[in-house]
PDB file of N, CA and C in Angstrom:
ATOM      1  N   MET A   1     133.319  82.829  85.819  1.00  0.00           N
ATOM      2  CA  MET A   1     132.017  82.036  86.123  1.00  0.00           C
ATOM      3  C   MET A   1     131.087  82.108  84.743  1.00  0.00           C
ATOM      4  N   GLU A   2     130.892  82.038  83.931  1.00  0.00           N
ATOM      5  CA  GLU A   2     129.911  82.793  82.813  1.00  0.00           C
ATOM      6  C   GLU A   2     128.268  83.437  83.284  1.00  0.00           C
ATOM      7  N   ASN A   3     127.703  84.013  82.939  1.00  0.00           N
ATOM      8  CA  ASN A   3     127.022  84.732  83.270  1.00  0.00           C
ATOM      9  C   ASN A   3     125.343  83.487  82.667  1.00  0.00           C
ATOM     10  N   GLU A   4     125.111  82.983  84.162  1.00  0.00           N
ATOM     11  CA  GLU A   4     123.748  82.051  84.060  1.00  0.00           C
ATOM     12  C   GLU A   4     122.858  81.999  84.587  1.00  0.00           C
ATOM     13  N   ASN A   5     122.072  83.476  83.113  1.00  0.00           N
ATOM     14  CA  ASN A   5     120.383  84.003  83.601  1.00  0.00           C
ATOM     15  C   ASN A   5     119.872  83.041  83.729  1.00  0.00           C
ATOM     16  N   SER A   6     118.956  83.088  85.166  1.00  0.00           N
ATOM     17  CA  SER A   6     118.200  82.489  85.202  1.00  0.00           C
ATOM     18  C   SER A   6     116.497  83.228  85.606  1.00  0.00           C
ATOM     19  N   LEU A   7     115.594  82.770  85.851  1.00  0.00           N
ATOM     20  CA  LEU A   7     114.375  83.716  86.143  1.00  0.00           C
ATOM     21  C   LEU A   7     114.469  84.272  87.707  1.00  0.00           C
ATOM     22  N   LEU A   8     115.606  83.959  88.561  1.00  0.00           N
ATOM     23  CA  LEU A   8     115.464  84.244  89.980  1.00  0.00           C
ATOM     24  C   LEU A   8     117.181  85.243  90.032  1.00  0.00           C
ATOM     25  N   TRP A   9     117.876  84.252  89.382  1.00  0.00           N
ATOM     26  CA  TRP A   9     119.238  85.064  89.751  1.00  0.00           C
ATOM     27  C   TRP A   9     120.402  85.094  88.160  1.00  0.00           C
ATOM     28  N   GLU A  10     120.838  86.105  88.412  1.00  0.00           N
ATOM     29  CA  GLU A  10     121.273  87.097  86.998  1.00  0.00           C
ATOM     30  C   GLU A  10     122.847  86.719  87.023  1.00  0.00           C
ATOM     31  N   VAL A  11     123.812  86.365  87.906  1.00  0.00           N
ATOM     32  CA  VAL A  11     125.096  86.011  87.832  1.00  0.00           C
ATOM     33  C   VAL A  11     125.254  84.518  88.020  1.00  0.00           C
ATOM     34  N   SER A  12     125.027  84.195  89.406  1.00  0.00           N
ATOM     35  CA  SER A  12     125.030  82.713  90.325  1.00  0.00           C
ATOM     36  C   SER A  12     124.113  82.824  91.363  1.00  0.00           C
ATOM     37  N   TRP A  13     123.583  81.454  91.426  1.00  0.00           N
ATOM     38  CA  TRP A  13     122.234  81.338  92.261  1.00  0.00           C
ATOM     39  C   TRP A  13     123.417  81.422  93.901  1.00  0.00           C
ATOM     40  N   TRP A  14     124.561  81.383  94.358  1.00  0.00           N
ATOM     41  CA  TRP A  14     125.163  81.416  95.394  1.00  0.00           C
ATOM     42  C   TRP A  14     125.146  83.023  95.597  1.00  0.00           C
ATOM     43  N   GLU A  15     125.681  83.972  94.516  1.00  0.00           N
ATOM     44  CA  GLU A  15     125.452  85.576  94.812  1.00  0.00           C
ATOM     45  C   GLU A  15     123.997  85.955  95.054  1.00  0.00           C
ATOM     46  N   PHE A  16     122.974  85.598  94.273  1.00  0.00           N
ATOM     47  CA  PHE A  16     121.407  85.430  94.873  1.00  0.00           C
ATOM     48  C   PHE A  16     121.160  85.385  96.471  1.00  0.00           C
ATOM     49  N   VAL A  17     121.592  84.052  96.686  1.00  0.00           N
ATOM     50  CA  VAL A  17     121.409  83.536  97.702  1.00  0.00           C
ATOM     51  C   VAL A  17     122.340  84.583  98.825  1.00  0.00           C
ATOM     52  N   PHE A  18     123.379  84.799  98.714  1.00  0.00           N
ATOM     53  CA  PHE A  18     124.065  85.442  99.612  1.00  0.00           C
ATOM     54  C   PHE A  18     123.900  87.254  99.828  1.00  0.00           C
ATOM     55  N   VAL A  19     123.918  87.519  98.719  1.00  0.00           N
ATOM     56  CA  VAL A  19     123.179  89.101  98.609  1.00  0.00           C
ATOM     57  C   VAL A  19     121.775  89.415  98.751  1.00  0.00           C
ATOM     58  N   THR A  20     121.063  88.854  98.270  1.00  0.00           N
ATOM     59  CA  THR A  20     119.656  89.198  98.218  1.00  0.00           C
ATOM     60  C   THR A  20     119.033  88.858  99.385  1.00  0.00           C
ATOM     61  N   ILE A  21     119.293  87.343  99.705  1.00  0.00           N
ATOM     62  CA  ILE A  21     118.826  86.602 100.915  1.00  0.00           C
ATOM     63  C   ILE A  21     119.286  86.544 102.111  1.00  0.00           C
ATOM     64  N   PHE A  22     120.648  86.837 102.428  1.00  0.00           N
ATOM     65  CA  PHE A  22     121.096  86.891 103.460  1.00  0.00           C
ATOM     66  C   PHE A  22     121.500  88.463 103.854  1.00  0.00           C
ATOM     67  N   LEU A  23     121.977  89.129 103.065  1.00  0.00           N
ATOM     68  CA  LEU A  23     122.443  90.240 103.631  1.00  0.00           C
ATOM     69  C   LEU A  23     121.467  91.298 103.278  1.00  0.00           C
ATOM     70  N   ALA A  24     120.351  91.560 102.017  1.00  0.00           N
ATOM     71  CA  ALA A  24     119.589  92.583 101.918  1.00  0.00           C
ATOM     72  C   ALA A  24     118.406  91.839 102.582  1.00  0.00           C
ATOM     73  N   GLY A  25     118.286  90.397 102.445  1.00  0.00           N
ATOM     74  CA  GLY A  25     116.953  89.752 103.528  1.00  0.00           C
ATOM     75  C   GLY A  25     117.034  90.202 104.815  1.00  0.00           C
ATOM     76  N   GLY A  26     118.382  90.204 105.563  1.00  0.00           N
ATOM     77  CA  GLY A  26     118.301  90.315 106.770  1.00  0.00           C
ATOM     78  C   GLY A  26     118.398  91.587 107.023  1.00  0.00           C
ATOM     79  N   ALA A  27     118.939  92.629 106.570  1.00  0.00           N
ATOM     80  CA  ALA A  27     118.192  94.401 106.468  1.00  0.00           C
ATOM     81  C   ALA A  27     116.942  94.813 106.464  1.00  0.00           C
ATOM     82  N   ALA A  28     116.346  93.736 105.117  1.00  0.00           N
ATOM     83  CA  ALA A  28     114.792  93.607 105.243  1.00  0.00           C
ATOM     84  C   ALA A  28     113.738  93.395 106.606  1.00  0.00           C
ATOM     85  N   TYR A  29     114.404  92.161 107.411  1.00  0.00           N
ATOM     86  CA  TYR A  29     113.681  91.893 107.968  1.00  0.00           C
ATOM     87  C   TYR A  29     113.464  92.594 109.434  1.00  0.00           C
ATOM     88  N   LEU A  30     115.064  93.178 109.374  1.00  0.00           N
ATOM     89  CA  LEU A  30     115.202  94.077 110.514  1.00  0.00           C
ATOM     90  C   LEU A  30     114.326  95.639 110.259  1.00  0.00           C
ATOM     91  N   THR A  31     114.246  95.723 109.364  1.00  0.00           N
ATOM     92  CA  THR A  31     113.625  96.872 108.858  1.00  0.00           C
ATOM     93  C   THR A  31     111.678  97.020 108.994  1.00  0.00           C
ATOM     94  N   GLY A  32     111.329  95.701 108.885  1.00  0.00           N
ATOM     95  CA  GLY A  32     109.833  94.996 109.361  1.00  0.00           C
ATOM     96  C   GLY A  32     109.879  94.949 110.382  1.00  0.00           C
ATOM     97  N   ARG A  33     110.636  94.716 111.356  1.00  0.00           N
ATOM     98  CA  ARG A  33     110.632  94.712 112.658  1.00  0.00           C
ATOM     99  C   ARG A  33     110.584  96.043 113.321  1.00  0.00           C
ATOM    100  N   ALA A  34     111.984  96.995 112.814  1.00  0.00           N
ATOM    101  CA  ALA A  34     111.155  98.689 113.054  1.00  0.00           C
ATOM    102  C   ALA A  34     110.165  98.907 112.964  1.00  0.00           C
ATOM    103  N   ILE A  35     109.724  99.201 111.691  1.00  0.00           N
ATOM    104  CA  ILE A  35     108.327  99.190 111.231  1.00  0.00           C
ATOM    105  C   ILE A  35     107.073  98.972 112.401  1.00  0.00           C
ATOM    106  N   ALA A  36     107.362  97.914 112.307  1.00  0.00           N
ATOM    107  CA  ALA A  36     106.281  97.141 113.568  1.00  0.00           C
ATOM    108  C   ALA A  36     106.145  97.693 114.865  1.00  0.00           C
ATOM    109  N   ARG A  37     107.566  97.847 115.498  1.00  0.00           N
ATOM    110  CA  ARG A  37     107.670  97.976 116.966  1.00  0.00           C
ATOM    111  C   ARG A  37     107.625  99.860 117.265  1.00  0.00           C
ATOM    112  N   ALA A  38     107.296 100.598 115.952  1.00  0.00           N
ATOM    113  CA  ALA A  38     107.351 102.202 115.561  1.00  0.00           C
ATOM    114  C   ALA A  38     105.776 102.010 115.488  1.00  0.00           C
ATOM    115  N   TRP A  39     105.170 101.291 115.189  1.00  0.00           N
ATOM    116  CA  TRP A  39     103.479 101.138 114.799  1.00  0.00           C
ATOM    117  C   TRP A  39     103.317 102.195 113.261  1.00  0.00           C
ATOM    118  N   GLN A  40     104.572 101.811 112.707  1.00  0.00           N
ATOM    119  CA  GLN A  40     104.124 102.536 111.515  1.00  0.00           C
ATOM    120  C   GLN A  40     103.373 101.641 110.389  1.00  0.00           C
ATOM    121  N   PRO A  41     102.988 102.571 109.715  1.00  0.00           N
ATOM    122  CA  PRO A  41     101.945 101.885 108.150  1.00  0.00           C
ATOM    123  C   PRO A  41     102.698 100.936 107.262  1.00  0.00           C
ATOM    124  N   ASP A  42     101.721  99.998 106.937  1.00  0.00           N
ATOM    125  CA  ASP A  42     102.970  99.222 105.701  1.00  0.00           C
ATOM    126  C   ASP A  42     103.633  99.942 104.632  1.00  0.00           C
ATOM    127  N   LEU A  43     102.558 101.074 104.152  1.00  0.00           N
ATOM    128  CA  LEU A  43     103.115 102.029 102.627  1.00  0.00           C
ATOM    129  C   LEU A  43     104.425 102.377 103.252  1.00  0.00           C
ATOM    130  N   LEU A  44     104.772 102.849 104.223  1.00  0.00           N
ATOM    131  CA  LEU A  44     106.335 103.225 105.141  1.00  0.00           C
ATOM    132  C   LEU A  44     107.070 102.460 104.989  1.00  0.00           C
ATOM    133  N   LEU A  45     106.844 100.619 104.958  1.00  0.00           N
ATOM    134  CA  LEU A  45     107.692  99.629 104.812  1.00  0.00           C
ATOM    135  C   LEU A  45     108.075  99.493 103.271  1.00  0.00           C
ATOM    136  N   ALA A  46     106.906  99.621 102.906  1.00  0.00           N
ATOM    137  CA  ALA A  46     107.040  99.754 100.832  1.00  0.00           C
ATOM    138  C   ALA A  46     108.187 100.098 100.687  1.00  0.00           C
ATOM    139  N   ALA A  47     108.159 101.540 100.853  1.00  0.00           N
ATOM    140  CA  ALA A  47     108.883 102.505 100.628  1.00  0.00           C
ATOM    141  C   ALA A  47     110.148 102.383 101.017  1.00  0.00           C
ATOM    142  N   TYR A  48     110.463 101.914 102.146  1.00  0.00           N
ATOM    143  CA  TYR A  48     111.893 101.933 102.806  1.00  0.00           C
ATOM    144  C   TYR A  48     112.420 100.199 101.892  1.00  0.00           C
ATOM    145  N   ILE A  49     111.384  99.429 101.381  1.00  0.00           N
ATOM    146  CA  ILE A  49     112.230  98.299 100.931  1.00  0.00           C
ATOM    147  C   ILE A  49     112.498  98.402  99.347  1.00  0.00           C
ATOM    148  N   VAL A  50     112.083  99.453  98.444  1.00  0.00           N
ATOM    149  CA  VAL A  50     112.416  99.800  97.324  1.00  0.00           C
ATOM    150  C   VAL A  50     113.487 100.769  97.149  1.00  0.00           C
ATOM    151  N   LEU A  51     113.868 101.211  98.146  1.00  0.00           N
ATOM    152  CA  LEU A  51     115.399 101.760  98.245  1.00  0.00           C
ATOM    153  C   LEU A  51     115.854 100.736  98.772  1.00  0.00           C
ATOM    154  N   LEU A  52     115.951  99.635  99.580  1.00  0.00           N
ATOM    155  CA  LEU A  52     117.039  98.641  99.574  1.00  0.00           C
ATOM    156  C   LEU A  52     116.932  98.174  98.494  1.00  0.00           C
ATOM    157  N   ALA A  53     115.897  97.394  97.566  1.00  0.00           N
ATOM    158  CA  ALA A  53     116.383  96.516  96.625  1.00  0.00           C
ATOM    159  C   ALA A  53     117.049  97.571  95.383  1.00  0.00           C
ATOM    160  N   ALA A  54     116.659  98.832  95.665  1.00  0.00           N
ATOM    161  CA  ALA A  54     117.847  99.313  94.641  1.00  0.00           C
ATOM    162  C   ALA A  54     119.495  99.308  95.178  1.00  0.00           C
ATOM    163  N   ALA A  55     119.110  99.848  96.503  1.00  0.00           N
ATOM    164  CA  ALA A  55     121.046  99.149  96.941  1.00  0.00           C
ATOM    165  C   ALA A  55     121.278  97.697  96.523  1.00  0.00           C
ATOM    166  N   THR A  56     120.509  96.686  96.865  1.00  0.00           N
ATOM    167  CA  THR A  56     121.110  95.579  96.463  1.00  0.00           C
ATOM    168  C   THR A  56     121.663  95.564  95.056  1.00  0.00           C
ATOM    169  N   ARG A  57     120.677  95.951  94.315  1.00  0.00           N
ATOM    170  CA  ARG A  57     120.686  95.918  92.572  1.00  0.00           C
ATOM    171  C   ARG A  57     122.298  96.463  92.721  1.00  0.00           C
ATOM    172  N   PHE A  58     122.635  97.531  93.152  1.00  0.00           N
ATOM    173  CA  PHE A  58     124.222  98.283  93.271  1.00  0.00           C
ATOM    174  C   PHE A  58     124.977  97.014  93.720  1.00  0.00           C
ATOM    175  N   ILE A  59     124.817  96.327  94.624  1.00  0.00           N
ATOM    176  CA  ILE A  59     125.942  95.501  95.004  1.00  0.00           C
ATOM    177  C   ILE A  59     125.989  94.345  94.399  1.00  0.00           C
ATOM    178  N   HIS A  60     124.623  93.922  93.484  1.00  0.00           N
ATOM    179  CA  HIS A  60     125.174  92.799  92.712  1.00  0.00           C
ATOM    180  C   HIS A  60     126.056  93.361  91.643  1.00  0.00           C
ATOM    181  N   PHE A  61     125.849  95.000  91.259  1.00  0.00           N
ATOM    182  CA  PHE A  61     126.202  95.149  90.010  1.00  0.00           C
ATOM    183  C   PHE A  61     128.127  95.570  90.134  1.00  0.00           C
ATOM    184  N   ALA A  62     128.292  96.479  91.393  1.00  0.00           N
ATOM    185  CA  ALA A  62     129.466  96.469  91.778  1.00  0.00           C
ATOM    186  C   ALA A  62     130.351  95.423  92.176  1.00  0.00           C
ATOM    187  N   LEU A  63     129.750  94.486  92.919  1.00  0.00           N
ATOM    188  CA  LEU A  63     130.624  93.251  93.439  1.00  0.00           C
ATOM    189  C   LEU A  63     130.766  91.823  92.556  1.00  0.00           C
ATOM    190  N   PHE A  64     129.869  92.167  92.113  1.00  0.00           N
ATOM    191  CA  PHE A  64     129.761  90.609  91.128  1.00  0.00           C
ATOM    192  C   PHE A  64     129.404  90.734  89.572  1.00  0.00           C
ATOM    193  N   GLY A  65     129.327  91.977  89.151  1.00  0.00           N
ATOM    194  CA  GLY A  65     128.972  92.480  87.704  1.00  0.00           C
ATOM    195  C   GLY A  65     128.057  91.859  86.760  1.00  0.00           C
ATOM    196  N   GLY A  66     127.150  92.041  87.708  1.00  0.00           N
ATOM    197  CA  GLY A  66     125.669  92.318  87.497  1.00  0.00           C
ATOM    198  C   GLY A  66     125.401  93.362  86.734  1.00  0.00           C
ATOM    199  N   SER A  67     124.165  93.496  86.269  1.00  0.00           N
ATOM    200  CA  SER A  67     123.627  94.585  85.570  1.00  0.00           C
ATOM    201  C   SER A  67     123.220  95.476  86.394  1.00  0.00           C
ATOM    202  N   LEU A  68     123.160  97.120  86.176  1.00  0.00           N
ATOM    203  CA  LEU A  68     122.418  97.776  87.657  1.00  0.00           C
ATOM    204  C   LEU A  68     121.057  98.441  87.461  1.00  0.00           C
ATOM    205  N   LEU A  69     120.833  98.616  85.922  1.00  0.00           N
ATOM    206  CA  LEU A  69     119.214  98.723  85.310  1.00  0.00           C
ATOM    207  C   LEU A  69     118.854  97.738  84.670  1.00  0.00           C
ATOM    208  N   THR A  70     118.355  96.569  85.523  1.00  0.00           N
ATOM    209  CA  THR A  70     117.260  95.872  84.940  1.00  0.00           C
ATOM    210  C   THR A  70     116.345  95.330  85.439  1.00  0.00           C
ATOM    211  N   LEU A  71     115.031  95.973  85.066  1.00  0.00           N
ATOM    212  CA  LEU A  71     114.061  95.753  85.903  1.00  0.00           C
ATOM    213  C   LEU A  71     113.451  94.904  86.157  1.00  0.00           C
ATOM    214  N   HIS A  72     114.204  93.280  85.330  1.00  0.00           N
ATOM    215  CA  HIS A  72     113.419  92.597  85.816  1.00  0.00           C
ATOM    216  C   HIS A  72     113.922  91.734  87.166  1.00  0.00           C
ATOM    217  N   TYR A  73     115.486  91.856  86.972  1.00  0.00           N
ATOM    218  CA  TYR A  73     116.026  91.334  88.338  1.00  0.00           C
ATOM    219  C   TYR A  73     115.645  92.407  89.516  1.00  0.00           C
ATOM    220  N   TYR A  74     115.746  93.643  89.071  1.00  0.00           N
ATOM    221  CA  TYR A  74     115.072  94.973  90.426  1.00  0.00           C
ATOM    222  C   TYR A  74     113.522  94.312  91.094  1.00  0.00           C
ATOM    223  N   LEU A  75     113.049  93.839  89.803  1.00  0.00           N
ATOM    224  CA  LEU A  75     111.581  93.072  90.750  1.00  0.00           C
ATOM    225  C   LEU A  75     111.208  92.273  91.364  1.00  0.00           C
ATOM    226  N   VAL A  76     112.497  91.194  90.919  1.00  0.00           N
ATOM    227  CA  VAL A  76     112.807  89.989  91.577  1.00  0.00           C
ATOM    228  C   VAL A  76     113.598  90.270  93.107  1.00  0.00           C
ATOM    229  N   ASP A  77     114.212  90.708  92.910  1.00  0.00           N
ATOM    230  CA  ASP A  77     114.957  91.564  94.731  1.00  0.00           C
ATOM    231  C   ASP A  77     113.691  92.324  95.336  1.00  0.00           C
ATOM    232  N   LEU A  78     112.860  92.880  94.325  1.00  0.00           N
ATOM    233  CA  LEU A  78     112.070  93.885  95.208  1.00  0.00           C
ATOM    234  C   LEU A  78     110.808  92.976  96.237  1.00  0.00           C
ATOM    235  N   ILE A  79     110.484  91.472  95.445  1.00  0.00           N
ATOM    236  CA  ILE A  79     109.526  91.123  95.634  1.00  0.00           C
ATOM    237  C   ILE A  79     109.921  89.901  97.014  1.00  0.00           C
ATOM    238  N   VAL A  80     111.395  89.522  96.718  1.00  0.00           N
ATOM    239  CA  VAL A  80     111.883  88.783  97.893  1.00  0.00           C
ATOM    240  C   VAL A  80     112.192  89.411  99.141  1.00  0.00           C
ATOM    241  N   LEU A  81     112.778  91.022  99.059  1.00  0.00           N
ATOM    242  CA  LEU A  81     112.959  91.810  99.975  1.00  0.00           C
ATOM    243  C   LEU A  81     111.750  91.968 100.677  1.00  0.00           C
ATOM    244  N   LEU A  82     110.454  92.286  99.608  1.00  0.00           N
ATOM    245  CA  LEU A  82     109.148  92.822 100.286  1.00  0.00           C
ATOM    246  C   LEU A  82     108.690  91.535 101.327  1.00  0.00           C
ATOM    247  N   ILE A  83     108.614  90.326 100.800  1.00  0.00           N
ATOM    248  CA  ILE A  83     108.215  89.248 101.567  1.00  0.00           C
ATOM    249  C   ILE A  83     108.823  88.951 102.812  1.00  0.00           C
ATOM    250  N   ILE A  84     110.130  89.244 102.646  1.00  0.00           N
ATOM    251  CA  ILE A  84     111.117  88.933 104.080  1.00  0.00           C
ATOM    252  C   ILE A  84     110.507  90.082 104.605  1.00  0.00           C
ATOM    253  N   ALA A  85     110.449  91.474 104.680  1.00  0.00           N
ATOM    254  CA  ALA A  85     110.280  92.426 105.347  1.00  0.00           C
ATOM    255  C   ALA A  85     108.840  92.311 105.801  1.00  0.00           C
ATOM    256  N   PHE A  86     107.971  91.815 105.331  1.00  0.00           N
ATOM    257  CA  PHE A  86     106.174  91.753 105.597  1.00  0.00           C
ATOM    258  C   PHE A  86     106.496  90.697 106.781  1.00  0.00           C
ATOM    259  N   ILE A  87     106.997  89.612 106.466  1.00  0.00           N
ATOM    260  CA  ILE A  87     107.375  88.081 107.585  1.00  0.00           C
ATOM    261  C   ILE A  87     107.485  89.068 108.830  1.00  0.00           C
ATOM    262  N   GLY A  88     108.738  89.893 108.797  1.00  0.00           N
ATOM    263  CA  GLY A  88     109.429  90.508 109.982  1.00  0.00           C
ATOM    264  C   GLY A  88     108.206  91.301 110.536  1.00  0.00           C
ATOM    265  N   LYS A  89     107.547  92.052 109.984  1.00  0.00           N
ATOM    266  CA  LYS A  89     106.543  92.704 110.331  1.00  0.00           C
ATOM    267  C   LYS A  89     105.761  92.332 111.228  1.00  0.00           C
ATOM    268  N   ARG A  90     104.983  91.340 110.475  1.00  0.00           N
ATOM    269  CA  ARG A  90     104.072  90.231 110.795  1.00  0.00           C
ATOM    270  C   ARG A  90     104.400  89.698 112.255  1.00  0.00           C
ATOM    271  N   MET A  91     105.704  88.577 111.938  1.00  0.00           N
ATOM    272  CA  MET A  91     105.973  87.959 113.135  1.00  0.00           C
ATOM    273  C   MET A  91     106.277  89.231 114.782  1.00  0.00           C
ATOM    274  N   THR A  92     106.651  90.523 114.597  1.00  0.00           N
ATOM    275  CA  THR A  92     106.650  91.534 115.497  1.00  0.00           C
ATOM    276  C   THR A  92     105.763  91.901 115.799  1.00  0.00           C
ATOM    277  N   ARG A  93     104.448  91.859 115.265  1.00  0.00           N
ATOM    278  CA  ARG A  93     103.391  92.623 115.452  1.00  0.00           C
ATOM    279  C   ARG A  93     102.654  91.658 116.479  1.00  0.00           C
ATOM    280  N   SER A  94     102.728  90.035 115.674  1.00  0.00           N
ATOM    281  CA  SER A  94     102.299  89.407 116.570  1.00  0.00           C
ATOM    282  C   SER A  94     102.356  89.309 117.979  1.00  0.00           C
ATOM    283  N   ARG A  95     103.741  89.336 117.935  1.00  0.00           N
ATOM    284  CA  ARG A  95     104.193  89.207 119.252  1.00  0.00           C
ATOM    285  C   ARG A  95     103.762  90.709 120.240  1.00  0.00           C
ATOM    286  N   GLN A  96     103.722  91.514 119.492  1.00  0.00           N
ATOM    287  CA  GLN A  96     103.244  92.667 120.042  1.00  0.00           C
ATOM    288  C   GLN A  96     102.291  92.831 120.872  1.00  0.00           C
ATOM    289  N   MET A  97     100.836  92.018 119.649  1.00  0.00           N
ATOM    290  CA  MET A  97      99.625  92.104 119.942  1.00  0.00           C
ATOM    291  C   MET A  97      99.362  91.648 121.489  1.00  0.00           C
ATOM    292  N   THR A  98     100.174  90.037 121.452  1.00  0.00           N
ATOM    293  CA  THR A  98      99.332  89.426 122.229  1.00  0.00           C
ATOM    294  C   THR A  98     100.574  89.609 123.649  1.00  0.00           C
ATOM    295  N   THR A  99     101.321  90.370 123.821  1.00  0.00           N
ATOM    296  CA  THR A  99     102.110  90.770 124.726  1.00  0.00           C
ATOM    297  C   THR A  99     101.547  91.864 125.466  1.00  0.00           C
ATOM    298  N   GLN A 100     101.564  93.242 124.635  1.00  0.00           N
ATOM    299  CA  GLN A 100     100.860  94.499 124.948  1.00  0.00           C
ATOM    300  C   GLN A 100      99.697  94.059 125.482  1.00  0.00           C
ATOM    301  N   TYR A 101      98.500  93.173 124.716  1.00  0.00           N
ATOM    302  CA  TYR A 101      97.246  93.004 125.227  1.00  0.00           C
ATOM    303  C   TYR A 101      96.755  92.001 125.406  1.00  0.00           C
ATOM    304  N   GLY A 102      97.570  91.337 126.243  1.00  0.00           N
ATOM    305  CA  GLY A 102      97.587  89.885 126.599  1.00  0.00           C
ATOM    306  C   GLY A 102      96.299  89.574 127.070  1.00  0.00           C
ATOM    307  N   PHE A 103      95.012  90.361 127.700  1.00  0.00           N
ATOM    308  CA  PHE A 103      94.048  90.082 127.927  1.00  0.00           C
ATOM    309  C   PHE A 103      92.970  90.148 126.807  1.00  0.00           C
ATOM    310  N   ARG A 104      93.342  90.546 125.697  1.00  0.00           N
ATOM    311  CA  ARG A 104      92.538  90.243 124.630  1.00  0.00           C
ATOM    312  C   ARG A 104      92.713  89.508 123.797  1.00  0.00           C
ATOM    313  N   TYR A 105      94.027  89.245 123.367  1.00  0.00           N
ATOM    314  CA  TYR A 105      94.621  88.447 122.333  1.00  0.00           C
ATOM    315  C   TYR A 105      95.496  87.466 122.614  1.00  0.00           C
ATOM    316  N   ALA A 106      95.548  86.224 121.859  1.00  0.00           N
ATOM    317  CA  ALA A 106      96.446  84.997 122.105  1.00  0.00           C
ATOM    318  C   ALA A 106      96.844  84.598 120.875  1.00  0.00           C
ATOM    319  N   ARG A 107      98.210  84.529 121.193  1.00  0.00           N
ATOM    320  CA  ARG A 107      98.529  84.023 119.918  1.00  0.00           C
ATOM    321  C   ARG A 107      98.223  82.745 119.176  1.00  0.00           C
ATOM    322  N   THR A 108      98.224  82.544 117.868  1.00  0.00           N
ATOM    323  CA  THR A 108      98.222  81.450 117.083  1.00  0.00           C
ATOM    324  C   THR A 108      99.010  80.693 116.368  1.00  0.00           C
ATOM    325  N   GLY A 109     100.251  81.314 116.547  1.00  0.00           N
ATOM    326  CA  GLY A 109     101.073  80.982 115.345  1.00  0.00           C
ATOM    327  C   GLY A 109     102.167  81.842 115.043  1.00  0.00           C
ATOM    328  N   PRO A 110     103.065  82.074 114.756  1.00  0.00           N
ATOM    329  CA  PRO A 110     104.560  82.911 114.887  1.00  0.00           C
ATOM    330  C   PRO A 110     103.653  84.391 113.825  1.00  0.00           C
ATOM    331  N   LEU A 111     102.916  84.419 112.924  1.00  0.00           N
ATOM    332  CA  LEU A 111     102.183  84.849 112.236  1.00  0.00           C
ATOM    333  C   LEU A 111     101.032  85.466 112.543  1.00  0.00           C
ATOM    334  N   SER A 112     100.482  84.934 113.715  1.00  0.00           N
ATOM    335  CA  SER A 112      98.982  85.664 113.360  1.00  0.00           C
ATOM    336  C   SER A 112      98.590  85.848 115.483  1.00  0.00           C
ATOM    337  N   TRP A 113      97.102  85.597 115.118  1.00  0.00           N
ATOM    338  CA  TRP A 113      96.648  86.114 116.565  1.00  0.00           C
ATOM    339  C   TRP A 113      95.356  86.029 116.708  1.00  0.00           C
ATOM    340  N   LYS A 114      94.706  85.748 117.625  1.00  0.00           N
ATOM    341  CA  LYS A 114      92.935  85.916 117.765  1.00  0.00           C
ATOM    342  C   LYS A 114      92.664  86.268 119.027  1.00  0.00           C
ATOM    343  N   THR A 115      91.049  86.735 118.749  1.00  0.00           N
ATOM    344  CA  THR A 115      90.948  87.450 120.050  1.00  0.00           C
ATOM    345  C   THR A 115      90.235  86.310 121.142  1.00  0.00           C
ATOM    346  N   LYS A 116      90.608  86.656 121.897  1.00  0.00           N
ATOM    347  CA  LYS A 116      90.011  85.937 123.563  1.00  0.00           C
ATOM    348  C   LYS A 116      88.703  85.783 123.746  1.00  0.00           C
ATOM    349  N   ASP A 117      88.195  84.132 124.409  1.00  0.00           N
ATOM    350  CA  ASP A 117      86.698  84.298 124.405  1.00  0.00           C
ATOM    351  C   ASP A 117      86.542  84.627 125.298  1.00  0.00           C
TER     352      ASP A 117
END
C-alpha cells in the first residue's frame, strides 16, 4: 500500500487504529488507571505517556515503514494517548471517590462524582 498521508495517520488508517488506538491506547488506559490507583499526580501520567508515544512511533517505524522522527505524527499519537490515559484515570478516580468515600460522594456518571447533600 502506498503512503496515504493524512492528518491523523501516516501509512494507513488500519495501522493507526491497530497500533495507536488498540495497542498503545490500551497501555495508556492501563497507565492512567495505575496512576489513579496509586494517587499520583497528572504530571507523572503525562511523563509516562510522552515515553509511550515515543515507543508507539517506533512501532509504526519498525513494523509498518512509517517515519520515526516526525513531529506531526508524534504529536498526533501523543494527543490520542493522553486523551485515553486521562479518561482511564478519571474513570478510576470516580470509582475510587464513590467507593472509598461513599458517605461523602455520589457518582454522577462514569467520569464524575458530586458531594452528597
